Amino acid sequence: MSEASPCLNCGACCSYFRVSFFWGECTSSGGTVPDELVEQISPSRVAMIGTGCKPARCISLEGEVGQKVQCSIYEQRSTPCREFDASWSNGEANTDCDKARAAFGLPALLPTSEMPEKQSA
């Protein structure tokens, strides 16, 4: 994630959606996600602790949603997290990103070309 990423001051998706994935992504199965951070939800799937009920908050999210946040296992995160893009990060809107942001009172992200220019002091 680059320093310019809007994800570093958001974290809404980590506090809104259930993060579930195949148990083979856990360290005990040769994957990268630490076993102690997941809970079993079916014989073949696990979810990040804290994301299985509302209000959700992933156990790995550090910081305050809408302020400064980071993932404590960013390099070890699961496939759903790796594949979730902020709106417009790849030139397309992500309605799930917009939905999570709205749940926390955050505005939808704009395409880069529509971002207001920062004023220099």
Protein backbone atom coordinates (compact mmCIF):
# COMPACT_ATOMS: atom_id res chain seq x y z
CA MET A 1 0.00 0.00 0.00
CA SER A 2 1.53 3.30 -1.04
CA GLU A 3 1.72 6.31 1.27
CA ALA A 4 -0.92 8.01 -0.91
CA SER A 5 -3.41 5.19 -0.35
CA PRO A 6 -6.77 6.35 1.03
CA CYS A 7 -6.83 3.09 3.01
CA LEU A 8 -4.32 4.47 5.50
CA ASN A 9 -6.90 6.91 6.84
CA CYS A 10 -10.00 4.77 6.40
CA GLY A 11 -10.25 1.17 7.67
CA ALA A 12 -14.01 1.05 7.07
CA CYS A 13 -13.91 -2.24 5.17
CA CYS A 14 -12.02 -3.86 8.07
CA SER A 15 -14.81 -2.75 10.42
CA TYR A 16 -17.79 -3.54 8.24
CA PHE A 17 -17.43 -6.83 6.33
CA ARG A 18 -16.85 -10.41 7.48
CA VAL A 19 -13.40 -11.45 6.29
CA SER A 20 -13.78 -15.15 5.50
CA PHE A 21 -11.48 -17.38 3.48
CA PHE A 22 -10.27 -20.95 2.91
CA TRP A 23 -8.53 -22.38 5.99
CA GLY A 24 -5.54 -23.30 3.82
CA GLU A 25 -4.41 -19.67 4.06
CA CYS A 26 -3.61 -20.16 7.77
CA THR A 27 -0.06 -20.77 8.97
CA SER A 28 -0.87 -24.27 10.26
CA SER A 29 -1.74 -25.23 6.67
CA GLY A 30 1.27 -23.57 5.06
CA GLY A 31 -0.39 -20.19 4.52
CA THR A 32 0.43 -16.79 5.96
CA VAL A 33 -2.50 -15.79 8.19
CA PRO A 34 -1.70 -16.48 11.88
CA ASP A 35 -3.99 -19.21 13.26
CA GLU A 36 -4.62 -17.34 16.50
CA LEU A 37 -6.32 -14.50 14.58
CA VAL A 38 -9.05 -16.61 12.96
CA GLU A 39 -12.15 -18.53 14.00
CA GLN A 40 -13.66 -21.51 12.20
CA ILE A 41 -16.98 -20.80 10.46
CA SER A 42 -17.35 -24.04 8.49
CA PRO A 43 -15.29 -27.19 7.93
CA SER A 44 -13.32 -25.44 5.16
CA ARG A 45 -13.58 -21.73 5.98
CA VAL A 46 -12.34 -19.39 8.69
CA ALA A 47 -12.94 -15.70 9.40
CA MET A 48 -10.80 -13.06 10.99
CA ILE A 49 -11.75 -12.70 14.64
CA GLY A 50 -14.00 -9.70 15.14
CA THR A 51 -15.57 -9.77 11.69
CA GLY A 52 -18.24 -12.42 12.27
CA CYS A 53 -20.86 -10.14 13.85
CA LYS A 54 -22.05 -6.56 13.76
CA PRO A 55 -20.52 -4.26 14.68
CA ALA A 56 -17.50 -5.83 13.06
CA ARG A 57 -13.86 -4.95 13.57
CA CYS A 58 -10.99 -7.11 12.38
CA ILE A 59 -8.62 -8.11 15.15
CA SER A 60 -5.71 -6.98 12.97
CA LEU A 61 -6.93 -3.41 12.42
CA GLU A 62 -4.99 -0.84 14.43
CA GLY A 63 -6.06 2.77 14.80
CA GLU A 64 -9.36 4.60 14.47
CA VAL A 65 -11.64 4.17 11.45
CA GLY A 66 -11.70 7.35 9.39
CA GLN A 67 -8.46 8.56 10.96
CA LYS A 68 -5.09 6.81 10.81
CA VAL A 69 -5.22 3.01 10.50
CA GLN A 70 -3.01 0.09 9.57
CA CYS A 71 -3.19 -3.68 9.36
CA SER A 72 -0.96 -5.42 11.90
CA ILE A 73 -0.53 -8.40 9.53
CA TYR A 74 -0.48 -6.51 6.22
CA GLU A 75 2.17 -8.75 4.61
CA GLN A 76 0.37 -11.86 5.92
CA ARG A 77 -3.22 -10.79 5.15
CA SER A 78 -5.72 -13.11 3.50
CA THR A 79 -6.83 -13.20 -0.12
CA PRO A 80 -10.07 -11.21 0.44
CA CYS A 81 -8.00 -8.39 1.93
CA ARG A 82 -5.41 -8.54 -0.84
CA GLU A 83 -8.13 -8.42 -3.48
CA PHE A 84 -10.23 -5.62 -1.94
CA ASP A 85 -9.45 -2.34 -3.67
CA ALA A 86 -10.39 1.15 -2.59
CA SER A 87 -12.76 2.86 -4.99
CA TRP A 88 -10.95 4.25 -8.01
CA SER A 89 -7.58 2.74 -7.05
CA ASN A 90 -7.74 0.77 -10.31
CA GLY A 91 -9.78 3.27 -12.26
CA GLU A 92 -13.12 1.79 -11.20
CA ALA A 93 -15.58 2.47 -8.41
CA ASN A 94 -15.88 -0.21 -5.72
CA THR A 95 -19.44 -0.09 -4.40
CA ASP A 96 -18.44 -2.24 -1.40
CA CYS A 97 -15.78 0.31 -0.45
CA ASP A 98 -18.34 3.10 -0.81
CA LYS A 99 -20.88 1.14 1.28
CA ALA A 100 -18.40 0.54 4.12
CA ARG A 101 -17.28 4.17 4.12
CA ALA A 102 -20.90 5.38 4.20
CA ALA A 103 -21.58 3.20 7.26
CA PHE A 104 -18.99 5.28 9.14
CA GLY A 105 -20.15 8.62 7.76
CA LEU A 106 -17.21 8.87 5.37
CA PRO A 107 -17.76 10.23 1.86
CA ALA A 108 -17.31 8.00 -1.16
CA LEU A 109 -13.88 8.28 -2.74
CA LEU A 110 -13.59 10.22 -5.98
CA PRO A 111 -11.64 9.36 -9.11
CA THR A 112 -8.13 10.83 -8.87
CA SER A 113 -8.94 13.30 -11.65
CA GLU A 114 -11.79 14.69 -9.51
CA MET A 115 -9.79 14.96 -6.27
CA PRO A 116 -9.48 18.54 -5.02
CA GLU A 117 -5.96 19.90 -5.31
CA LYS A 118 -4.13 20.41 -2.03
CA GLN A 119 -3.28 24.00 -1.30
CA SER A 120 0.33 24.65 -0.30
CA ALA A 121 0.98 26.89 2.68
